[in-house]
Amino acid sequence: MNSAQVDFQQIRIKHILFKSKVRSVLYGGTLDSVFFSEAGPISHWFSQVGKVKYGNEPELFGLQKTHGELLSSANHLFTLYRNGSIDQAHAGMKEIEKLSDRFQELLSKIEKRLALKTDMV
């Protein structure tokens, strides 16, 4: 496994954990406010790995933008949940799933293109 594959496997795992934690909070789990902030592990990956190593890749901006939308949507659902709109918060998981699909698609695109570049070398 090359370093790009490891980097993208890391962000993929962090993203899956993100979705799992959103669902957990909406079903009564404890909110990890740092995890769901700009200081969280996914944002940290973007600043320490993504922008540094892959800043020139066209999908990186879209990936980061989509993560921002995921953060915003998750925080909105947490507010709904705290305010007693539990059913509405649960229904909002559909938006998280839709954004997650877009995130995964962009991630796969960048991985495939970088793999092709590596194969050509």
PDB file of N, CA and C in Angstrom:
ATOM      1  N   MET A   1       0.857  -1.177   0.000  1.00  0.00           N
ATOM      2  CA  MET A   1       0.000   0.000   0.000  1.00  0.00           C
ATOM      3  C   MET A   1       0.901   1.237   0.000  1.00  0.00           C
ATOM      4  N   ASN A   2       0.710   2.141  -0.964  1.00  0.00           N
ATOM      5  CA  ASN A   2       1.535   3.348  -1.006  1.00  0.00           C
ATOM      6  C   ASN A   2       1.002   4.409  -0.044  1.00  0.00           C
ATOM      7  N   SER A   3       1.742   5.498   0.110  1.00  0.00           N
ATOM      8  CA  SER A   3       1.364   6.504   1.113  1.00  0.00           C
ATOM      9  C   SER A   3       0.031   7.176   0.794  1.00  0.00           C
ATOM     10  N   ALA A   4      -0.271   7.384  -0.482  1.00  0.00           N
ATOM     11  CA  ALA A   4      -1.565   7.981  -0.840  1.00  0.00           C
ATOM     12  C   ALA A   4      -2.709   7.055  -0.433  1.00  0.00           C
ATOM     13  N   GLN A   5      -2.538   5.764  -0.657  1.00  0.00           N
ATOM     14  CA  GLN A   5      -3.583   4.812  -0.262  1.00  0.00           C
ATOM     15  C   GLN A   5      -3.797   4.847   1.253  1.00  0.00           C
ATOM     16  N   VAL A   6      -2.714   4.932   2.005  1.00  0.00           N
ATOM     17  CA  VAL A   6      -2.812   5.002   3.467  1.00  0.00           C
ATOM     18  C   VAL A   6      -3.513   6.297   3.874  1.00  0.00           C
ATOM     19  N   ASP A   7      -3.118   7.409   3.256  1.00  0.00           N
ATOM     20  CA  ASP A   7      -3.741   8.701   3.577  1.00  0.00           C
ATOM     21  C   ASP A   7      -5.243   8.669   3.331  1.00  0.00           C
ATOM     22  N   PHE A   8      -5.639   8.126   2.205  1.00  0.00           N
ATOM     23  CA  PHE A   8      -7.064   8.117   1.874  1.00  0.00           C
ATOM     24  C   PHE A   8      -7.831   7.073   2.681  1.00  0.00           C
ATOM     25  N   GLN A   9      -7.161   6.004   3.070  1.00  0.00           N
ATOM     26  CA  GLN A   9      -7.801   5.037   3.965  1.00  0.00           C
ATOM     27  C   GLN A   9      -8.057   5.692   5.328  1.00  0.00           C
ATOM     28  N   GLN A  10      -7.122   6.523   5.780  1.00  0.00           N
ATOM     29  CA  GLN A  10      -7.297   7.225   7.054  1.00  0.00           C
ATOM     30  C   GLN A  10      -8.506   8.151   7.014  1.00  0.00           C
ATOM     31  N   ILE A  11      -8.627   8.947   5.954  1.00  0.00           N
ATOM     32  CA  ILE A  11      -9.751   9.885   5.890  1.00  0.00           C
ATOM     33  C   ILE A  11     -11.066   9.129   5.728  1.00  0.00           C
ATOM     34  N   ARG A  12     -11.036   8.023   5.017  1.00  0.00           N
ATOM     35  CA  ARG A  12     -12.257   7.219   4.847  1.00  0.00           C
ATOM     36  C   ARG A  12     -12.716   6.669   6.212  1.00  0.00           C
ATOM     37  N   ILE A  13     -11.791   6.159   6.999  1.00  0.00           N
ATOM     38  CA  ILE A  13     -12.133   5.627   8.329  1.00  0.00           C
ATOM     39  C   ILE A  13     -12.657   6.749   9.228  1.00  0.00           C
ATOM     40  N   LYS A  14     -12.021   7.905   9.186  1.00  0.00           N
ATOM     41  CA  LYS A  14     -12.473   9.047   9.990  1.00  0.00           C
ATOM     42  C   LYS A  14     -13.885   9.459   9.567  1.00  0.00           C
ATOM     43  N   HIS A  15     -14.144   9.403   8.271  1.00  0.00           N
ATOM     44  CA  HIS A  15     -15.472   9.772   7.769  1.00  0.00           C
ATOM     45  C   HIS A  15     -16.535   8.770   8.239  1.00  0.00           C
ATOM     46  N   ILE A  16     -16.223   7.501   8.183  1.00  0.00           N
ATOM     47  CA  ILE A  16     -17.172   6.474   8.659  1.00  0.00           C
ATOM     48  C   ILE A  16     -17.433   6.663  10.149  1.00  0.00           C
ATOM     49  N   LEU A  17     -16.393   6.966  10.898  1.00  0.00           N
ATOM     50  CA  LEU A  17     -16.560   7.239  12.327  1.00  0.00           C
ATOM     51  C   LEU A  17     -17.440   8.463  12.539  1.00  0.00           C
ATOM     52  N   PHE A  18     -17.278   9.479  11.694  1.00  0.00           N
ATOM     53  CA  PHE A  18     -18.101  10.686  11.764  1.00  0.00           C
ATOM     54  C   PHE A  18     -19.580  10.322  11.666  1.00  0.00           C
ATOM     55  N   LYS A  19     -19.913   9.552  10.630  1.00  0.00           N
ATOM     56  CA  LYS A  19     -21.325   9.156  10.444  1.00  0.00           C
ATOM     57  C   LYS A  19     -21.832   8.349  11.630  1.00  0.00           C
ATOM     58  N   SER A  20     -21.019   7.456  12.114  1.00  0.00           N
ATOM     59  CA  SER A  20     -21.397   6.626  13.255  1.00  0.00           C
ATOM     60  C   SER A  20     -21.651   7.483  14.492  1.00  0.00           C
ATOM     61  N   LYS A  21     -20.810   8.473  14.712  1.00  0.00           N
ATOM     62  CA  LYS A  21     -20.972   9.348  15.875  1.00  0.00           C
ATOM     63  C   LYS A  21     -22.219  10.225  15.735  1.00  0.00           C
ATOM     64  N   VAL A  22     -22.530  10.667  14.520  1.00  0.00           N
ATOM     65  CA  VAL A  22     -23.765  11.442  14.318  1.00  0.00           C
ATOM     66  C   VAL A  22     -24.960  10.585  14.726  1.00  0.00           C
ATOM     67  N   ARG A  23     -25.009   9.392  14.204  1.00  0.00           N
ATOM     68  CA  ARG A  23     -26.121   8.483  14.507  1.00  0.00           C
ATOM     69  C   ARG A  23     -26.196   8.208  16.012  1.00  0.00           C
ATOM     70  N   SER A  24     -25.051   7.997  16.632  1.00  0.00           N
ATOM     71  CA  SER A  24     -25.000   7.726  18.063  1.00  0.00           C
ATOM     72  C   SER A  24     -25.606   8.876  18.871  1.00  0.00           C
ATOM     73  N   VAL A  25     -25.224  10.088  18.544  1.00  0.00           N
ATOM     74  CA  VAL A  25     -25.759  11.253  19.263  1.00  0.00           C
ATOM     75  C   VAL A  25     -27.265  11.345  19.083  1.00  0.00           C
ATOM     76  N   LEU A  26     -27.740  11.099  17.872  1.00  0.00           N
ATOM     77  CA  LEU A  26     -29.175  11.216  17.597  1.00  0.00           C
ATOM     78  C   LEU A  26     -30.000  10.098  18.232  1.00  0.00           C
ATOM     79  N   TYR A  27     -29.304   9.088  18.750  1.00  0.00           N
ATOM     80  CA  TYR A  27     -30.006   8.009  19.453  1.00  0.00           C
ATOM     81  C   TYR A  27     -29.608   7.959  20.927  1.00  0.00           C
ATOM     82  N   GLY A  28     -29.199   9.119  21.442  1.00  0.00           N
ATOM     83  CA  GLY A  28     -28.986   9.240  22.883  1.00  0.00           C
ATOM     84  C   GLY A  28     -27.554   9.209  23.367  1.00  0.00           C
ATOM     85  N   GLY A  29     -26.595   9.070  22.462  1.00  0.00           N
ATOM     86  CA  GLY A  29     -25.190   9.052  22.871  1.00  0.00           C
ATOM     87  C   GLY A  29     -24.695  10.440  23.250  1.00  0.00           C
ATOM     88  N   THR A  30     -23.505  10.486  23.784  1.00  0.00           N
ATOM     89  CA  THR A  30     -22.900  11.740  24.217  1.00  0.00           C
ATOM     90  C   THR A  30     -22.259  12.466  23.033  1.00  0.00           C
ATOM     91  N   LEU A  31     -22.486  13.759  22.956  1.00  0.00           N
ATOM     92  CA  LEU A  31     -21.916  14.587  21.890  1.00  0.00           C
ATOM     93  C   LEU A  31     -20.463  14.910  22.203  1.00  0.00           C
ATOM     94  N   ASP A  32     -19.583  14.605  21.295  1.00  0.00           N
ATOM     95  CA  ASP A  32     -18.175  14.978  21.376  1.00  0.00           C
ATOM     96  C   ASP A  32     -18.029  16.262  20.563  1.00  0.00           C
ATOM     97  N   SER A  33     -18.149  17.402  21.239  1.00  0.00           N
ATOM     98  CA  SER A  33     -18.195  18.680  20.523  1.00  0.00           C
ATOM     99  C   SER A  33     -16.901  18.981  19.773  1.00  0.00           C
ATOM    100  N   VAL A  34     -15.760  18.520  20.263  1.00  0.00           N
ATOM    101  CA  VAL A  34     -14.502  18.747  19.552  1.00  0.00           C
ATOM    102  C   VAL A  34     -14.485  17.961  18.244  1.00  0.00           C
ATOM    103  N   PHE A  35     -14.950  16.712  18.289  1.00  0.00           N
ATOM    104  CA  PHE A  35     -14.986  15.881  17.090  1.00  0.00           C
ATOM    105  C   PHE A  35     -15.793  16.559  15.983  1.00  0.00           C
ATOM    106  N   PHE A  36     -16.893  17.228  16.375  1.00  0.00           N
ATOM    107  CA  PHE A  36     -17.781  17.870  15.400  1.00  0.00           C
ATOM    108  C   PHE A  36     -17.492  19.360  15.256  1.00  0.00           C
ATOM    109  N   SER A  37     -16.223  19.702  15.300  1.00  0.00           N
ATOM    110  CA  SER A  37     -15.832  21.100  15.128  1.00  0.00           C
ATOM    111  C   SER A  37     -14.733  21.178  14.074  1.00  0.00           C
ATOM    112  N   GLU A  38     -14.287  22.383  13.829  1.00  0.00           N
ATOM    113  CA  GLU A  38     -13.183  22.582  12.884  1.00  0.00           C
ATOM    114  C   GLU A  38     -11.861  22.055  13.445  1.00  0.00           C
ATOM    115  N   ALA A  39     -11.853  21.688  14.738  1.00  0.00           N
ATOM    116  CA  ALA A  39     -10.651  21.120  15.359  1.00  0.00           C
ATOM    117  C   ALA A  39     -10.699  19.593  15.361  1.00  0.00           C
ATOM    118  N   GLY A  40     -11.749  19.020  14.792  1.00  0.00           N
ATOM    119  CA  GLY A  40     -11.932  17.576  14.781  1.00  0.00           C
ATOM    120  C   GLY A  40     -10.940  16.858  13.879  1.00  0.00           C
ATOM    121  N   PRO A  41     -10.928  15.533  13.958  1.00  0.00           N
ATOM    122  CA  PRO A  41      -9.925  14.748  13.228  1.00  0.00           C
ATOM    123  C   PRO A  41     -10.006  14.860  11.700  1.00  0.00           C
ATOM    124  N   ILE A  42     -11.177  15.064  11.155  1.00  0.00           N
ATOM    125  CA  ILE A  42     -11.259  15.172   9.689  1.00  0.00           C
ATOM    126  C   ILE A  42     -10.710  16.525   9.238  1.00  0.00           C
ATOM    127  N   SER A  43     -11.094  17.580   9.943  1.00  0.00           N
ATOM    128  CA  SER A  43     -10.551  18.903   9.614  1.00  0.00           C
ATOM    129  C   SER A  43      -9.036  18.906   9.799  1.00  0.00           C
ATOM    130  N   HIS A  44      -8.574  18.240  10.831  1.00  0.00           N
ATOM    131  CA  HIS A  44      -7.136  18.123  11.080  1.00  0.00           C
ATOM    132  C   HIS A  44      -6.457  17.395   9.913  1.00  0.00           C
ATOM    133  N   TRP A  45      -7.074  16.326   9.405  1.00  0.00           N
ATOM    134  CA  TRP A  45      -6.509  15.606   8.265  1.00  0.00           C
ATOM    135  C   TRP A  45      -6.371  16.535   7.066  1.00  0.00           C
ATOM    136  N   PHE A  46      -7.404  17.352   6.818  1.00  0.00           N
ATOM    137  CA  PHE A  46      -7.342  18.269   5.681  1.00  0.00           C
ATOM    138  C   PHE A  46      -6.188  19.248   5.827  1.00  0.00           C
ATOM    139  N   SER A  47      -5.981  19.796   7.020  1.00  0.00           N
ATOM    140  CA  SER A  47      -4.924  20.791   7.185  1.00  0.00           C
ATOM    141  C   SER A  47      -3.530  20.174   7.244  1.00  0.00           C
ATOM    142  N   GLN A  48      -3.400  18.987   7.811  1.00  0.00           N
ATOM    143  CA  GLN A  48      -2.082  18.385   7.992  1.00  0.00           C
ATOM    144  C   GLN A  48      -1.658  17.435   6.862  1.00  0.00           C
ATOM    145  N   VAL A  49      -2.614  16.831   6.190  1.00  0.00           N
ATOM    146  CA  VAL A  49      -2.304  15.860   5.139  1.00  0.00           C
ATOM    147  C   VAL A  49      -2.886  16.300   3.796  1.00  0.00           C
ATOM    148  N   GLY A  50      -4.185  16.504   3.772  1.00  0.00           N
ATOM    149  CA  GLY A  50      -4.871  16.798   2.510  1.00  0.00           C
ATOM    150  C   GLY A  50      -4.298  17.982   1.758  1.00  0.00           C
ATOM    151  N   LYS A  51      -4.267  19.147   2.393  1.00  0.00           N
ATOM    152  CA  LYS A  51      -3.775  20.350   1.714  1.00  0.00           C
ATOM    153  C   LYS A  51      -2.286  20.277   1.437  1.00  0.00           C
ATOM    154  N   VAL A  52      -1.557  19.644   2.344  1.00  0.00           N
ATOM    155  CA  VAL A  52      -0.104  19.563   2.200  1.00  0.00           C
ATOM    156  C   VAL A  52       0.288  18.650   1.026  1.00  0.00           C
ATOM    157  N   LYS A  53      -0.281  17.455   0.990  1.00  0.00           N
ATOM    158  CA  LYS A  53       0.118  16.478  -0.032  1.00  0.00           C
ATOM    159  C   LYS A  53      -0.728  16.525  -1.301  1.00  0.00           C
ATOM    160  N   TYR A  54      -1.997  16.908  -1.171  1.00  0.00           N
ATOM    161  CA  TYR A  54      -2.919  16.776  -2.304  1.00  0.00           C
ATOM    162  C   TYR A  54      -3.630  18.089  -2.640  1.00  0.00           C
ATOM    163  N   GLY A  55      -3.048  19.195  -2.206  1.00  0.00           N
ATOM    164  CA  GLY A  55      -3.664  20.504  -2.408  1.00  0.00           C
ATOM    165  C   GLY A  55      -3.918  20.859  -3.860  1.00  0.00           C
ATOM    166  N   ASN A  56      -3.175  20.249  -4.776  1.00  0.00           N
ATOM    167  CA  ASN A  56      -3.346  20.548  -6.200  1.00  0.00           C
ATOM    168  C   ASN A  56      -4.387  19.662  -6.881  1.00  0.00           C
ATOM    169  N   GLU A  57      -4.903  18.694  -6.154  1.00  0.00           N
ATOM    170  CA  GLU A  57      -5.898  17.790  -6.739  1.00  0.00           C
ATOM    171  C   GLU A  57      -7.265  18.481  -6.777  1.00  0.00           C
ATOM    172  N   PRO A  58      -7.919  18.486  -7.940  1.00  0.00           N
ATOM    173  CA  PRO A  58      -9.170  19.238  -8.096  1.00  0.00           C
ATOM    174  C   PRO A  58     -10.293  18.815  -7.131  1.00  0.00           C
ATOM    175  N   GLU A  59     -10.343  17.560  -6.762  1.00  0.00           N
ATOM    176  CA  GLU A  59     -11.430  17.085  -5.896  1.00  0.00           C
ATOM    177  C   GLU A  59     -11.249  17.474  -4.429  1.00  0.00           C
ATOM    178  N   LEU A  60     -10.032  17.859  -4.058  1.00  0.00           N
ATOM    179  CA  LEU A  60      -9.780  18.134  -2.639  1.00  0.00           C
ATOM    180  C   LEU A  60     -10.671  19.254  -2.118  1.00  0.00           C
ATOM    181  N   PHE A  61     -10.820  20.318  -2.893  1.00  0.00           N
ATOM    182  CA  PHE A  61     -11.683  21.418  -2.465  1.00  0.00           C
ATOM    183  C   PHE A  61     -13.112  20.929  -2.270  1.00  0.00           C
ATOM    184  N   GLY A  62     -13.630  20.153  -3.219  1.00  0.00           N
ATOM    185  CA  GLY A  62     -14.989  19.617  -3.107  1.00  0.00           C
ATOM    186  C   GLY A  62     -15.132  18.691  -1.915  1.00  0.00           C
ATOM    187  N   LEU A  63     -14.100  17.920  -1.651  1.00  0.00           N
ATOM    188  CA  LEU A  63     -14.100  17.009  -0.503  1.00  0.00           C
ATOM    189  C   LEU A  63     -14.182  17.805   0.796  1.00  0.00           C
ATOM    190  N   GLN A  64     -13.371  18.855   0.880  1.00  0.00           N
ATOM    191  CA  GLN A  64     -13.371  19.676   2.084  1.00  0.00           C
ATOM    192  C   GLN A  64     -14.689  20.445   2.233  1.00  0.00           C
ATOM    193  N   LYS A  65     -15.214  20.921   1.131  1.00  0.00           N
ATOM    194  CA  LYS A  65     -16.495  21.645   1.146  1.00  0.00           C
ATOM    195  C   LYS A  65     -17.620  20.704   1.607  1.00  0.00           C
ATOM    196  N   THR A  66     -17.614  19.495   1.093  1.00  0.00           N
ATOM    197  CA  THR A  66     -18.634  18.519   1.472  1.00  0.00           C
ATOM    198  C   THR A  66     -18.521  18.183   2.957  1.00  0.00           C
ATOM    199  N   HIS A  67     -17.299  18.070   3.458  1.00  0.00           N
ATOM    200  CA  HIS A  67     -17.137  17.815   4.894  1.00  0.00           C
ATOM    201  C   HIS A  67     -17.705  18.988   5.704  1.00  0.00           C
ATOM    202  N   GLY A  68     -17.485  20.208   5.242  1.00  0.00           N
ATOM    203  CA  GLY A  68     -18.058  21.380   5.918  1.00  0.00           C
ATOM    204  C   GLY A  68     -19.576  21.308   5.954  1.00  0.00           C
ATOM    205  N   GLU A  69     -20.170  20.864   4.858  1.00  0.00           N
ATOM    206  CA  GLU A  69     -21.627  20.712   4.801  1.00  0.00           C
ATOM    207  C   GLU A  69     -22.084  19.606   5.752  1.00  0.00           C
ATOM    208  N   LEU A  70     -21.299  18.534   5.838  1.00  0.00           N
ATOM    209  CA  LEU A  70     -21.619  17.454   6.785  1.00  0.00           C
ATOM    210  C   LEU A  70     -21.579  17.968   8.223  1.00  0.00           C
ATOM    211  N   LEU A  71     -20.555  18.744   8.559  1.00  0.00           N
ATOM    212  CA  LEU A  71     -20.453  19.320   9.906  1.00  0.00           C
ATOM    213  C   LEU A  71     -21.646  20.205  10.212  1.00  0.00           C
ATOM    214  N   SER A  72     -21.982  21.069   9.276  1.00  0.00           N
ATOM    215  CA  SER A  72     -23.103  21.989   9.460  1.00  0.00           C
ATOM    216  C   SER A  72     -24.413  21.219   9.639  1.00  0.00           C
ATOM    217  N   SER A  73     -24.633  20.234   8.787  1.00  0.00           N
ATOM    218  CA  SER A  73     -25.851  19.432   8.853  1.00  0.00           C
ATOM    219  C   SER A  73     -25.926  18.661  10.164  1.00  0.00           C
ATOM    220  N   ALA A  74     -24.815  18.060  10.580  1.00  0.00           N
ATOM    221  CA  ALA A  74     -24.788  17.299  11.831  1.00  0.00           C
ATOM    222  C   ALA A  74     -25.110  18.215  13.010  1.00  0.00           C
ATOM    223  N   ASN A  75     -24.498  19.378  13.047  1.00  0.00           N
ATOM    224  CA  ASN A  75     -24.752  20.302  14.159  1.00  0.00           C
ATOM    225  C   ASN A  75     -26.198  20.776  14.175  1.00  0.00           C
ATOM    226  N   HIS A  76     -26.788  20.945  12.993  1.00  0.00           N
ATOM    227  CA  HIS A  76     -28.209  21.298  12.914  1.00  0.00           C
ATOM    228  C   HIS A  76     -29.080  20.166  13.485  1.00  0.00           C
ATOM    229  N   LEU A  77     -28.742  18.926  13.134  1.00  0.00           N
ATOM    230  CA  LEU A  77     -29.501  17.782  13.652  1.00  0.00           C
ATOM    231  C   LEU A  77     -29.346  17.659  15.167  1.00  0.00           C
ATOM    232  N   PHE A  78     -28.159  17.959  15.682  1.00  0.00           N
ATOM    233  CA  PHE A  78     -27.956  17.905  17.128  1.00  0.00           C
ATOM    234  C   PHE A  78     -28.822  18.946  17.834  1.00  0.00           C
ATOM    235  N   THR A  79     -28.954  20.119  17.219  1.00  0.00           N
ATOM    236  CA  THR A  79     -29.809  21.169  17.782  1.00  0.00           C
ATOM    237  C   THR A  79     -31.266  20.714  17.783  1.00  0.00           C
ATOM    238  N   LEU A  80     -31.708  20.140  16.676  1.00  0.00           N
ATOM    239  CA  LEU A  80     -33.080  19.617  16.619  1.00  0.00           C
ATOM    240  C   LEU A  80     -33.300  18.594  17.732  1.00  0.00           C
ATOM    241  N   TYR A  81     -32.368  17.690  17.880  1.00  0.00           N
ATOM    242  CA  TYR A  81     -32.471  16.631  18.888  1.00  0.00           C
ATOM    243  C   TYR A  81     -32.552  17.232  20.299  1.00  0.00           C
ATOM    244  N   ARG A  82     -31.646  18.166  20.593  1.00  0.00           N
ATOM    245  CA  ARG A  82     -31.638  18.817  21.920  1.00  0.00           C
ATOM    246  C   ARG A  82     -32.936  19.561  22.195  1.00  0.00           C
ATOM    247  N   ASN A  83     -33.544  20.110  21.137  1.00  0.00           N
ATOM    248  CA  ASN A  83     -34.782  20.873  21.297  1.00  0.00           C
ATOM    249  C   ASN A  83     -36.025  19.996  21.287  1.00  0.00           C
ATOM    250  N   GLY A  84     -35.837  18.684  21.273  1.00  0.00           N
ATOM    251  CA  GLY A  84     -36.960  17.766  21.362  1.00  0.00           C
ATOM    252  C   GLY A  84     -37.560  17.330  20.040  1.00  0.00           C
ATOM    253  N   SER A  85     -37.014  17.796  18.924  1.00  0.00           N
ATOM    254  CA  SER A  85     -37.503  17.402  17.597  1.00  0.00           C
ATOM    255  C   SER A  85     -36.762  16.141  17.155  1.00  0.00           C
ATOM    256  N   ILE A  86     -36.929  15.084  17.930  1.00  0.00           N
ATOM    257  CA  ILE A  86     -36.162  13.856  17.733  1.00  0.00           C
ATOM    258  C   ILE A  86     -36.484  13.190  16.397  1.00  0.00           C
ATOM    259  N   ASP A  87     -37.762  13.085  16.059  1.00  0.00           N
ATOM    260  CA  ASP A  87     -38.136  12.466  14.779  1.00  0.00           C
ATOM    261  C   ASP A  87     -37.570  13.246  13.597  1.00  0.00           C
ATOM    262  N   GLN A  88     -37.606  14.551  13.692  1.00  0.00           N
ATOM    263  CA  GLN A  88     -37.075  15.396  12.625  1.00  0.00           C
ATOM    264  C   GLN A  88     -35.548  15.218  12.528  1.00  0.00           C
ATOM    265  N   ALA A  89     -34.894  15.115  13.676  1.00  0.00           N
ATOM    266  CA  ALA A  89     -33.443  14.894  13.686  1.00  0.00           C
ATOM    267  C   ALA A  89     -33.107  13.548  13.050  1.00  0.00           C
ATOM    268  N   HIS A  90     -33.881  12.514  13.399  1.00  0.00           N
ATOM    269  CA  HIS A  90     -33.645  11.183  12.815  1.00  0.00           C
ATOM    270  C   HIS A  90     -33.855  11.224  11.296  1.00  0.00           C
ATOM    271  N   ALA A  91     -34.902  11.918  10.866  1.00  0.00           N
ATOM    272  CA  ALA A  91     -35.179  12.019   9.429  1.00  0.00           C
ATOM    273  C   ALA A  91     -34.047  12.754   8.703  1.00  0.00           C
ATOM    274  N   GLY A  92     -33.373  13.641   9.412  1.00  0.00           N
ATOM    275  CA  GLY A  92     -32.271  14.394   8.822  1.00  0.00           C
ATOM    276  C   GLY A  92     -31.053  13.550   8.497  1.00  0.00           C
ATOM    277  N   MET A  93     -31.021  12.334   9.010  1.00  0.00           N
ATOM    278  CA  MET A  93     -29.907  11.435   8.671  1.00  0.00           C
ATOM    279  C   MET A  93     -29.864  11.162   7.170  1.00  0.00           C
ATOM    280  N   LYS A  94     -30.998  11.317   6.489  1.00  0.00           N
ATOM    281  CA  LYS A  94     -31.016  11.131   5.033  1.00  0.00           C
ATOM    282  C   LYS A  94     -30.080  12.139   4.351  1.00  0.00           C
ATOM    283  N   GLU A  95     -30.066  13.361   4.860  1.00  0.00           N
ATOM    284  CA  GLU A  95     -29.173  14.387   4.298  1.00  0.00           C
ATOM    285  C   GLU A  95     -27.716  14.039   4.590  1.00  0.00           C
ATOM    286  N   ILE A  96     -27.452  13.534   5.783  1.00  0.00           N
ATOM    287  CA  ILE A  96     -26.090  13.098   6.131  1.00  0.00           C
ATOM    288  C   ILE A  96     -25.659  11.985   5.177  1.00  0.00           C
ATOM    289  N   GLU A  97     -26.542  11.038   4.914  1.00  0.00           N
ATOM    290  CA  GLU A  97     -26.212   9.931   4.002  1.00  0.00           C
ATOM    291  C   GLU A  97     -25.942  10.441   2.584  1.00  0.00           C
ATOM    292  N   LYS A  98     -26.751  11.390   2.139  1.00  0.00           N
ATOM    293  CA  LYS A  98     -26.579  11.953   0.790  1.00  0.00           C
ATOM    294  C   LYS A  98     -25.225  12.661   0.685  1.00  0.00           C
ATOM    295  N   LEU A  99     -24.902  13.484   1.677  1.00  0.00           N
ATOM    296  CA  LEU A  99     -23.618  14.173   1.686  1.00  0.00           C
ATOM    297  C   LEU A  99     -22.463  13.181   1.811  1.00  0.00           C
ATOM    298  N   SER A 100     -22.675  12.143   2.592  1.00  0.00           N
ATOM    299  CA  SER A 100     -21.653  11.115   2.769  1.00  0.00           C
ATOM    300  C   SER A 100     -21.376  10.408   1.448  1.00  0.00           C
ATOM    301  N   ASP A 101     -22.420  10.118   0.696  1.00  0.00           N
ATOM    302  CA  ASP A 101     -22.244   9.486  -0.614  1.00  0.00           C
ATOM    303  C   ASP A 101     -21.394  10.373  -1.526  1.00  0.00           C
ATOM    304  N   ARG A 102     -21.674  11.683  -1.498  1.00  0.00           N
ATOM    305  CA  ARG A 102     -20.902  12.622  -2.326  1.00  0.00           C
ATOM    306  C   ARG A 102     -19.439  12.630  -1.859  1.00  0.00           C
ATOM    307  N   PHE A 103     -19.228  12.647  -0.550  1.00  0.00           N
ATOM    308  CA  PHE A 103     -17.880  12.628   0.015  1.00  0.00           C
ATOM    309  C   PHE A 103     -17.130  11.384  -0.457  1.00  0.00           C
ATOM    310  N   GLN A 104     -17.793  10.230  -0.369  1.00  0.00           N
ATOM    311  CA  GLN A 104     -17.163   8.963  -0.770  1.00  0.00           C
ATOM    312  C   GLN A 104     -16.862   8.936  -2.268  1.00  0.00           C
ATOM    313  N   GLU A 105     -17.762   9.497  -3.070  1.00  0.00           N
ATOM    314  CA  GLU A 105     -17.549   9.541  -4.523  1.00  0.00           C
ATOM    315  C   GLU A 105     -16.321  10.386  -4.867  1.00  0.00           C
ATOM    316  N   LEU A 106     -16.210  11.558  -4.239  1.00  0.00           N
ATOM    317  CA  LEU A 106     -15.063  12.423  -4.487  1.00  0.00           C
ATOM    318  C   LEU A 106     -13.770  11.755  -4.035  1.00  0.00           C
ATOM    319  N   LEU A 107     -13.835  11.105  -2.905  1.00  0.00           N
ATOM    320  CA  LEU A 107     -12.670  10.405  -2.379  1.00  0.00           C
ATOM    321  C   LEU A 107     -12.233   9.289  -3.332  1.00  0.00           C
ATOM    322  N   SER A 108     -13.187   8.534  -3.837  1.00  0.00           N
ATOM    323  CA  SER A 108     -12.873   7.463  -4.788  1.00  0.00           C
ATOM    324  C   SER A 108     -12.274   8.021  -6.077  1.00  0.00           C
ATOM    325  N   LYS A 109     -12.802   9.151  -6.537  1.00  0.00           N
ATOM    326  CA  LYS A 109     -12.312   9.783  -7.758  1.00  0.00           C
ATOM    327  C   LYS A 109     -10.837  10.180  -7.620  1.00  0.00           C
ATOM    328  N   ILE A 110     -10.532  10.838  -6.529  1.00  0.00           N
ATOM    329  CA  ILE A 110      -9.153  11.292  -6.331  1.00  0.00           C
ATOM    330  C   ILE A 110      -8.216  10.093  -6.159  1.00  0.00           C
ATOM    331  N   GLU A 111      -8.672   9.071  -5.449  1.00  0.00           N
ATOM    332  CA  GLU A 111      -7.864   7.862  -5.265  1.00  0.00           C
ATOM    333  C   GLU A 111      -7.565   7.191  -6.609  1.00  0.00           C
ATOM    334  N   LYS A 112      -8.583   7.045  -7.440  1.00  0.00           N
ATOM    335  CA  LYS A 112      -8.407   6.382  -8.737  1.00  0.00           C
ATOM    336  C   LYS A 112      -7.439   7.152  -9.624  1.00  0.00           C
ATOM    337  N   ARG A 113      -7.596   8.474  -9.655  1.00  0.00           N
ATOM    338  CA  ARG A 113      -6.724   9.254 -10.511  1.00  0.00           C
ATOM    339  C   ARG A 113      -5.286   9.190 -10.020  1.00  0.00           C
ATOM    340  N   LEU A 114      -5.078   9.241  -8.704  1.00  0.00           N
ATOM    341  CA  LEU A 114      -3.714   9.160  -8.172  1.00  0.00           C
ATOM    342  C   LEU A 114      -3.122   7.758  -8.406  1.00  0.00           C
ATOM    343  N   ALA A 115      -3.948   6.743  -8.343  1.00  0.00           N
ATOM    344  CA  ALA A 115      -3.479   5.390  -8.622  1.00  0.00           C
ATOM    345  C   ALA A 115      -3.032   5.270 -10.068  1.00  0.00           C
ATOM    346  N   LEU A 116      -3.768   5.906 -10.973  1.00  0.00           N
ATOM    347  CA  LEU A 116      -3.386   5.887 -12.392  1.00  0.00           C
ATOM    348  C   LEU A 116      -2.060   6.607 -12.605  1.00  0.00           C
ATOM    349  N   LYS A 117      -1.882   7.733 -11.915  1.00  0.00           N
ATOM    350  CA  LYS A 117      -0.624   8.480 -12.026  1.00  0.00           C
ATOM    351  C   LYS A 117       0.533   7.603 -11.553  1.00  0.00           C
ATOM    352  N   THR A 118       0.332   6.890 -10.454  1.00  0.00           N
ATOM    353  CA  THR A 118       1.360   6.038  -9.880  1.00  0.00           C
ATOM    354  C   THR A 118       1.683   4.891 -10.834  1.00  0.00           C
ATOM    355  N   ASP A 119       0.634   4.322 -11.444  1.00  0.00           N
ATOM    356  CA  ASP A 119       0.843   3.226 -12.401  1.00  0.00           C
ATOM    357  C   ASP A 119       1.626   3.657 -13.622  1.00  0.00           C
ATOM    358  N   MET A 120       1.469   4.919 -14.023  1.00  0.00           N
ATOM    359  CA  MET A 120       2.138   5.434 -15.215  1.00  0.00           C
ATOM    360  C   MET A 120       3.617   5.687 -14.970  1.00  0.00           C
ATOM    361  N   VAL A 121       3.978   5.865 -13.716  1.00  0.00           N
ATOM    362  CA  VAL A 121       5.378   6.199 -13.380  1.00  0.00           C
ATOM    363  C   VAL A 121       6.271   5.010 -13.462  1.00  0.00           C
TER     364      VAL A 121
END
